[in-house]
Amino acid sequence: MKHETQSALVIAGPTASGKTALGVQLAGLLNGEILSADSRQVYRGLDIGSGKDLSEYVFEGRPIPYHLIDIAEVTQEFSVFHYKEAFYPAYDGVCRRGRLPVVVGGTGLYLEAVLRNYHLPAVQENPALREALASLDDETLTRRLRSLKPDMHDEMDLSSRERMIRAIEIAEGVQNAPEPPRSPLQAVLMVVLHDPDTLRERIARRLRFRLDNGLIEEVDGLHHRGISWERLDALGLEYRFCAQHLQGHIPNKNDLFQKLNSAIAQFAKRQRTWFRGMERRGLKVHWLPDTDTARALAVIKSVSQCGPGGSPG
């Protein structure tokens, strides 16, 4: 892979797809460093439930450097704005060292934010605008937001009036902010997409392992260190369901497995939908049916021969 024609390699995929192991192999073979794109691995203390699996960051006996993991406290709200703010210094550092940035993760919004260089300036609260919006009904708020963001994704979280008003506030603030100096990230984007049955099996097998190896105890420890049940619920999936189990709302470990396994499978389905949407939104996606390293290297070689966009270069 020619570093002068490719600015990054991106390995994405749903949860439990094996993307981290593949990313580490490719980073080892291509003189790379890992840049995580996972919305929960940024938090210190979320280890088993977020799937950090830091022991995997080894290739042929040597550690593979990784970044954007364990960079925030659990109590801190960490958004896509914060991710972009942390991403570029880490990315620039990898490039200065003459290494290949290998972005690995399953948080589609984080990936798309750097691949398409979302314009996300820091937008302060606007009390006058909030007061004006407060009198509008939900339908009017939605129309106003769509007029500001015609390409708004259906996956966008607008589950409350507060979120919708903040989204409008940000969208209007962005319009008045200067454009970012950086260009969108030029990258070879590969997405691991197992067939659904295989992925469900992988999810179930991994979940059983985590439940047997400290997941519940991790969540219990977080609560005893002062993390509220509400915050654990907001962290989603493993942390939400284990917190419910510890509070007695899910009576036994078998019920916990069944409910959590189903929720993770639904989450993986939403991730697959997002990745397909990335292609519809203009990104070139190379789909991988498995985590075979040779297959991935063949894709990289073919793209490198044609240029970063897959066209003759």
Protein backbone atom coordinates (compact mmCIF):
# COMPACT_ATOMS: atom_id res chain seq x y z
CA MET A 1 0.00 0.00 0.00
CA LYS A 2 1.52 3.34 -1.06
CA HIS A 3 1.44 5.87 1.75
CA GLU A 4 1.71 8.77 -0.67
CA THR A 5 -1.52 7.78 -2.42
CA GLN A 6 -3.53 6.54 0.57
CA SER A 7 -3.95 8.61 3.70
CA ALA A 8 -5.53 5.86 5.78
CA LEU A 9 -6.85 2.35 5.88
CA VAL A 10 -10.26 1.92 7.54
CA ILE A 11 -11.52 -1.43 8.86
CA ALA A 12 -15.15 -1.25 9.95
CA GLY A 13 -17.84 -3.75 10.79
CA PRO A 14 -20.61 -4.61 13.23
CA THR A 15 -19.90 -5.69 16.77
CA ALA A 16 -18.28 -9.14 17.09
CA SER A 17 -17.25 -9.16 13.43
CA GLY A 18 -13.53 -9.58 14.20
CA LYS A 19 -12.53 -6.20 12.75
CA THR A 20 -10.04 -5.42 15.54
CA ALA A 21 -8.04 -8.61 15.00
CA LEU A 22 -8.00 -7.96 11.25
CA GLY A 23 -6.97 -4.34 11.76
CA VAL A 24 -4.09 -5.39 14.00
CA GLN A 25 -2.88 -7.94 11.43
CA LEU A 26 -2.96 -5.35 8.67
CA ALA A 27 -1.27 -2.72 10.83
CA GLY A 28 1.48 -5.22 11.62
CA LEU A 29 2.02 -6.10 7.98
CA LEU A 30 1.81 -2.52 6.66
CA ASN A 31 3.79 -0.63 9.32
CA GLY A 32 0.66 0.89 10.80
CA GLU A 33 -0.82 2.15 14.05
CA ILE A 34 -4.43 1.73 15.16
CA LEU A 35 -6.84 4.63 15.56
CA SER A 36 -9.96 3.38 17.34
CA ALA A 37 -13.40 4.52 16.18
CA ASP A 38 -15.54 3.19 19.01
CA SER A 39 -17.83 5.43 21.07
CA ARG A 40 -17.41 3.44 24.30
CA GLN A 41 -13.75 2.44 24.13
CA VAL A 42 -12.87 6.09 24.64
CA TYR A 43 -13.91 5.68 28.30
CA ARG A 44 -11.53 4.53 31.00
CA GLY A 45 -13.00 1.63 32.99
CA LEU A 46 -15.28 0.31 30.23
CA ASP A 47 -13.10 -2.64 29.33
CA ILE A 48 -14.95 -5.95 29.02
CA GLY A 49 -18.30 -4.52 28.00
CA SER A 50 -16.83 -2.24 25.34
CA GLY A 51 -14.65 -5.02 23.94
CA LYS A 52 -11.30 -3.27 24.18
CA ASP A 53 -9.46 -6.60 24.03
CA LEU A 54 -6.14 -4.79 24.39
CA SER A 55 -4.30 -8.12 24.47
CA GLU A 56 -5.11 -8.41 20.73
CA TYR A 57 -2.87 -5.46 19.85
CA VAL A 58 0.15 -7.66 19.23
CA PHE A 59 1.62 -8.80 15.91
CA GLU A 60 4.35 -11.44 15.74
CA GLY A 61 5.32 -10.78 19.34
CA ARG A 62 5.49 -6.98 19.11
CA PRO A 63 2.88 -4.50 20.32
CA ILE A 64 0.93 -2.49 17.79
CA PRO A 65 0.46 1.12 18.97
CA TYR A 66 -3.13 2.21 19.42
CA HIS A 67 -4.84 5.55 20.00
CA LEU A 68 -8.21 7.03 21.06
CA ILE A 69 -8.81 4.35 23.70
CA ASP A 70 -9.08 5.31 27.41
CA ILE A 71 -9.05 9.05 26.74
CA ALA A 72 -12.16 10.13 28.71
CA GLU A 73 -13.74 9.61 32.12
CA VAL A 74 -16.98 7.63 32.28
CA THR A 75 -18.74 10.64 33.76
CA GLN A 76 -17.81 12.79 30.74
CA GLU A 77 -20.17 13.20 27.80
CA PHE A 78 -18.14 12.31 24.71
CA SER A 79 -19.68 13.23 21.36
CA VAL A 80 -18.69 13.01 17.73
CA PHE A 81 -17.38 16.58 18.11
CA HIS A 82 -15.01 15.42 20.85
CA TYR A 83 -13.99 12.45 18.71
CA LYS A 84 -13.00 14.64 15.77
CA GLU A 85 -11.16 16.95 18.15
CA ALA A 86 -9.11 14.00 19.45
CA PHE A 87 -8.79 12.17 16.13
CA TYR A 88 -6.76 14.61 14.06
CA PRO A 89 -3.85 15.14 16.51
CA ALA A 90 -3.54 11.35 16.86
CA TYR A 91 -3.80 10.88 13.09
CA ASP A 92 -1.19 13.57 12.40
CA GLY A 93 1.16 11.96 14.90
CA VAL A 94 0.93 8.59 13.15
CA CYS A 95 1.69 10.27 9.81
CA ARG A 96 4.67 12.19 11.24
CA ARG A 97 6.15 8.90 12.41
CA GLY A 98 5.94 7.59 8.86
CA ARG A 99 3.38 4.97 9.83
CA LEU A 100 0.09 4.05 8.17
CA PRO A 101 -3.04 5.18 10.07
CA VAL A 102 -5.35 2.16 10.40
CA VAL A 103 -8.76 3.29 11.65
CA VAL A 104 -10.70 0.42 13.25
CA GLY A 105 -14.19 0.56 14.71
CA GLY A 106 -17.90 0.07 14.52
CA THR A 107 -19.25 3.52 15.40
CA GLY A 108 -20.45 4.59 11.97
CA LEU A 109 -21.01 8.21 12.93
CA TYR A 110 -17.41 8.58 14.11
CA LEU A 111 -16.09 6.95 10.95
CA GLU A 112 -18.23 9.04 8.66
CA ALA A 113 -17.33 12.23 10.55
CA VAL A 114 -13.66 11.85 9.56
CA LEU A 115 -14.19 10.20 6.18
CA ARG A 116 -16.48 13.02 5.05
CA ASN A 117 -15.02 15.69 7.35
CA TYR A 118 -18.27 16.70 9.01
CA HIS A 119 -18.32 20.40 9.80
CA LEU A 120 -18.62 20.29 13.61
CA PRO A 121 -17.47 23.55 15.19
CA ALA A 122 -18.07 24.11 18.90
CA VAL A 123 -21.53 25.73 19.04
CA GLN A 124 -22.42 27.55 22.23
CA GLU A 125 -25.93 27.62 23.69
CA ASN A 126 -28.20 30.30 22.21
CA PRO A 127 -30.81 31.27 24.86
CA ALA A 128 -32.79 33.52 22.50
CA LEU A 129 -33.07 30.79 19.87
CA ARG A 130 -34.03 28.20 22.49
CA GLU A 131 -36.80 30.45 23.77
CA ALA A 132 -38.15 30.95 20.26
CA LEU A 133 -38.06 27.21 19.51
CA ALA A 134 -39.73 26.23 22.78
CA SER A 135 -43.12 27.43 21.55
CA LEU A 136 -43.03 25.29 18.38
CA ASP A 137 -44.59 21.84 18.17
CA ASP A 138 -42.55 18.72 17.37
CA GLU A 139 -43.61 18.58 13.71
CA THR A 140 -42.55 22.19 13.14
CA LEU A 141 -39.22 21.58 14.87
CA THR A 142 -38.58 18.55 12.67
CA ARG A 143 -39.37 20.52 9.49
CA ARG A 144 -37.04 23.31 10.59
CA LEU A 145 -34.23 20.88 11.30
CA ARG A 146 -34.67 19.12 7.95
CA SER A 147 -34.56 22.47 6.16
CA LEU A 148 -31.19 23.10 7.83
CA LYS A 149 -29.95 19.52 7.32
CA PRO A 150 -31.64 18.10 4.19
CA ASP A 151 -29.28 15.10 4.26
CA MET A 152 -30.16 14.30 7.88
CA HIS A 153 -29.92 10.57 8.60
CA ASP A 154 -32.96 8.70 9.91
CA GLU A 155 -30.67 7.20 12.57
CA MET A 156 -30.19 10.62 14.15
CA ASP A 157 -31.30 10.60 17.79
CA LEU A 158 -34.20 13.07 18.05
CA SER A 159 -36.02 11.17 20.78
CA SER A 160 -36.76 14.29 22.85
CA ARG A 161 -37.58 17.95 22.25
CA GLU A 162 -34.36 18.90 24.05
CA ARG A 163 -32.26 16.91 21.56
CA MET A 164 -34.17 18.35 18.61
CA ILE A 165 -33.77 21.92 19.82
CA ARG A 166 -30.05 21.37 20.44
CA ALA A 167 -29.71 19.86 16.95
CA ILE A 168 -31.30 22.99 15.43
CA GLU A 169 -29.06 25.18 17.58
CA ILE A 170 -25.99 23.35 16.32
CA ALA A 171 -27.15 23.33 12.68
CA GLU A 172 -27.74 27.10 12.70
CA GLY A 173 -24.46 27.71 14.52
CA VAL A 174 -22.56 25.61 11.99
CA GLN A 175 -23.91 27.69 9.12
CA ASN A 176 -22.28 30.78 10.62
CA ALA A 177 -18.97 29.11 11.49
CA PRO A 178 -15.93 29.06 9.18
CA GLU A 179 -15.39 25.98 7.06
CA PRO A 180 -12.81 23.50 8.36
CA PRO A 181 -9.32 23.74 6.84
CA ARG A 182 -8.93 19.97 6.43
CA SER A 183 -10.03 17.93 3.46
CA PRO A 184 -12.09 14.76 3.90
CA LEU A 185 -9.96 11.76 4.77
CA GLN A 186 -8.90 9.81 1.66
CA ALA A 187 -8.97 6.17 2.66
CA VAL A 188 -9.44 2.60 1.63
CA LEU A 189 -12.62 1.66 3.48
CA MET A 190 -13.27 -2.05 4.09
CA VAL A 191 -16.32 -3.31 5.98
CA VAL A 192 -16.45 -6.84 7.40
CA LEU A 193 -19.95 -8.17 6.80
CA HIS A 194 -20.48 -11.80 7.79
CA ASP A 195 -23.74 -13.45 6.83
CA PRO A 196 -26.39 -12.81 9.56
CA ASP A 197 -26.38 -16.35 10.98
CA THR A 198 -22.61 -16.37 11.38
CA LEU A 199 -22.64 -12.96 13.06
CA ARG A 200 -25.38 -14.03 15.49
CA GLU A 201 -23.30 -17.06 16.46
CA ARG A 202 -20.24 -14.89 17.00
CA ILE A 203 -22.24 -12.44 19.14
CA ALA A 204 -23.66 -15.22 21.33
CA ARG A 205 -20.29 -16.93 21.78
CA ARG A 206 -18.55 -13.69 22.71
CA LEU A 207 -21.31 -12.67 25.12
CA ARG A 208 -21.17 -15.99 26.98
CA PHE A 209 -17.42 -15.60 27.33
CA ARG A 210 -17.73 -12.07 28.69
CA LEU A 211 -20.46 -12.98 31.17
CA ASP A 212 -18.29 -15.85 32.41
CA ASN A 213 -15.20 -13.66 32.64
CA GLY A 214 -16.14 -10.61 34.64
CA LEU A 215 -18.65 -8.48 32.71
CA ILE A 216 -21.21 -8.32 35.54
CA GLU A 217 -18.44 -7.68 38.05
CA GLU A 218 -17.09 -4.84 35.88
CA VAL A 219 -20.47 -3.10 35.89
CA ASP A 220 -20.91 -3.68 39.62
CA GLY A 221 -17.45 -2.20 40.23
CA LEU A 222 -18.30 0.89 38.19
CA HIS A 223 -21.43 1.47 40.28
CA HIS A 224 -19.52 1.03 43.53
CA ARG A 225 -17.02 3.63 42.31
CA GLY A 226 -19.81 6.15 42.03
CA ILE A 227 -21.19 5.69 38.49
CA SER A 228 -24.95 6.03 38.77
CA TRP A 229 -27.45 3.49 37.45
CA GLU A 230 -28.71 6.22 35.13
CA ARG A 231 -25.26 6.77 33.65
CA LEU A 232 -24.73 3.03 33.21
CA ASP A 233 -28.09 2.84 31.43
CA ALA A 234 -27.01 5.66 29.10
CA LEU A 235 -23.86 3.72 28.17
CA GLY A 236 -26.11 1.13 26.56
CA LEU A 237 -26.15 -2.59 25.84
CA GLU A 238 -23.87 -4.53 28.23
CA TYR A 239 -23.81 -1.74 30.81
CA ARG A 240 -27.57 -1.11 30.66
CA PHE A 241 -28.62 -4.75 30.90
CA CYS A 242 -26.06 -5.74 33.53
CA ALA A 243 -27.14 -2.72 35.59
CA GLN A 244 -30.74 -3.89 35.35
CA HIS A 245 -29.65 -7.36 36.47
CA LEU A 246 -27.73 -5.95 39.44
CA GLN A 247 -30.82 -3.95 40.47
CA GLY A 248 -32.96 -7.08 40.33
CA HIS A 249 -34.96 -6.11 37.26
CA ILE A 250 -33.55 -9.08 35.33
CA PRO A 251 -33.72 -11.95 37.83
CA ASN A 252 -31.09 -14.42 36.68
CA LYS A 253 -28.04 -14.79 34.46
CA ASN A 254 -29.85 -16.85 31.82
CA ASP A 255 -32.50 -14.16 31.36
CA LEU A 256 -29.72 -11.58 31.22
CA PHE A 257 -27.99 -13.52 28.45
CA GLN A 258 -31.20 -13.90 26.41
CA LYS A 259 -32.21 -10.25 26.66
CA LEU A 260 -28.71 -8.87 26.09
CA ASN A 261 -27.93 -11.25 23.24
CA SER A 262 -31.10 -10.16 21.44
CA ALA A 263 -30.32 -6.47 22.01
CA ILE A 264 -26.76 -6.82 20.69
CA ALA A 265 -28.04 -8.63 17.59
CA GLN A 266 -30.47 -5.77 16.94
CA PHE A 267 -27.66 -3.27 17.43
CA ALA A 268 -25.49 -5.17 14.93
CA LYS A 269 -28.36 -5.02 12.44
CA ARG A 270 -28.51 -1.23 12.83
CA GLN A 271 -24.75 -1.05 12.30
CA ARG A 272 -25.08 -3.03 9.06
CA THR A 273 -27.77 -0.58 7.93
CA TRP A 274 -25.50 2.37 8.70
CA PHE A 275 -22.57 0.92 6.77
CA ARG A 276 -24.77 0.27 3.74
CA GLY A 277 -25.97 3.86 4.04
CA MET A 278 -22.39 5.10 3.94
CA GLU A 279 -22.10 3.62 0.46
CA ARG A 280 -25.38 5.28 -0.59
CA ARG A 281 -24.02 8.57 0.72
CA GLY A 282 -21.09 8.40 -1.68
CA LEU A 283 -18.31 6.56 0.13
CA LYS A 284 -16.53 3.75 -1.70
CA VAL A 285 -16.94 0.61 0.42
CA HIS A 286 -15.05 -2.64 -0.13
CA TRP A 287 -17.14 -5.40 1.43
CA LEU A 288 -15.36 -8.32 3.11
CA PRO A 289 -17.35 -11.51 3.77
CA ASP A 290 -14.92 -12.54 6.52
CA THR A 291 -11.71 -11.47 8.27
CA ASP A 292 -9.29 -13.29 5.96
CA THR A 293 -6.10 -11.22 5.93
CA ALA A 294 -5.06 -12.33 2.44
CA ARG A 295 -8.41 -11.24 1.02
CA ALA A 296 -8.07 -7.81 2.65
CA LEU A 297 -4.52 -7.41 1.35
CA ALA A 298 -5.72 -8.24 -2.15
CA VAL A 299 -8.30 -5.44 -1.92
CA ILE A 300 -5.65 -2.99 -0.72
CA LYS A 301 -3.30 -4.00 -3.54
CA SER A 302 -5.97 -3.58 -6.19
CA VAL A 303 -6.98 -0.15 -4.90
CA SER A 304 -3.38 1.01 -4.57
CA GLN A 305 -2.80 0.14 -8.21
CA CYS A 306 -5.79 2.24 -9.26
CA GLY A 307 -5.40 5.21 -6.90
CA PRO A 308 -7.15 6.19 -3.66
CA GLY A 309 -10.64 6.43 -5.09
CA GLY A 310 -10.50 3.14 -6.93
CA SER A 311 -10.10 4.94 -10.26
CA PRO A 312 -6.96 4.81 -12.41
CA GLY A 313 -4.27 7.01 -10.91
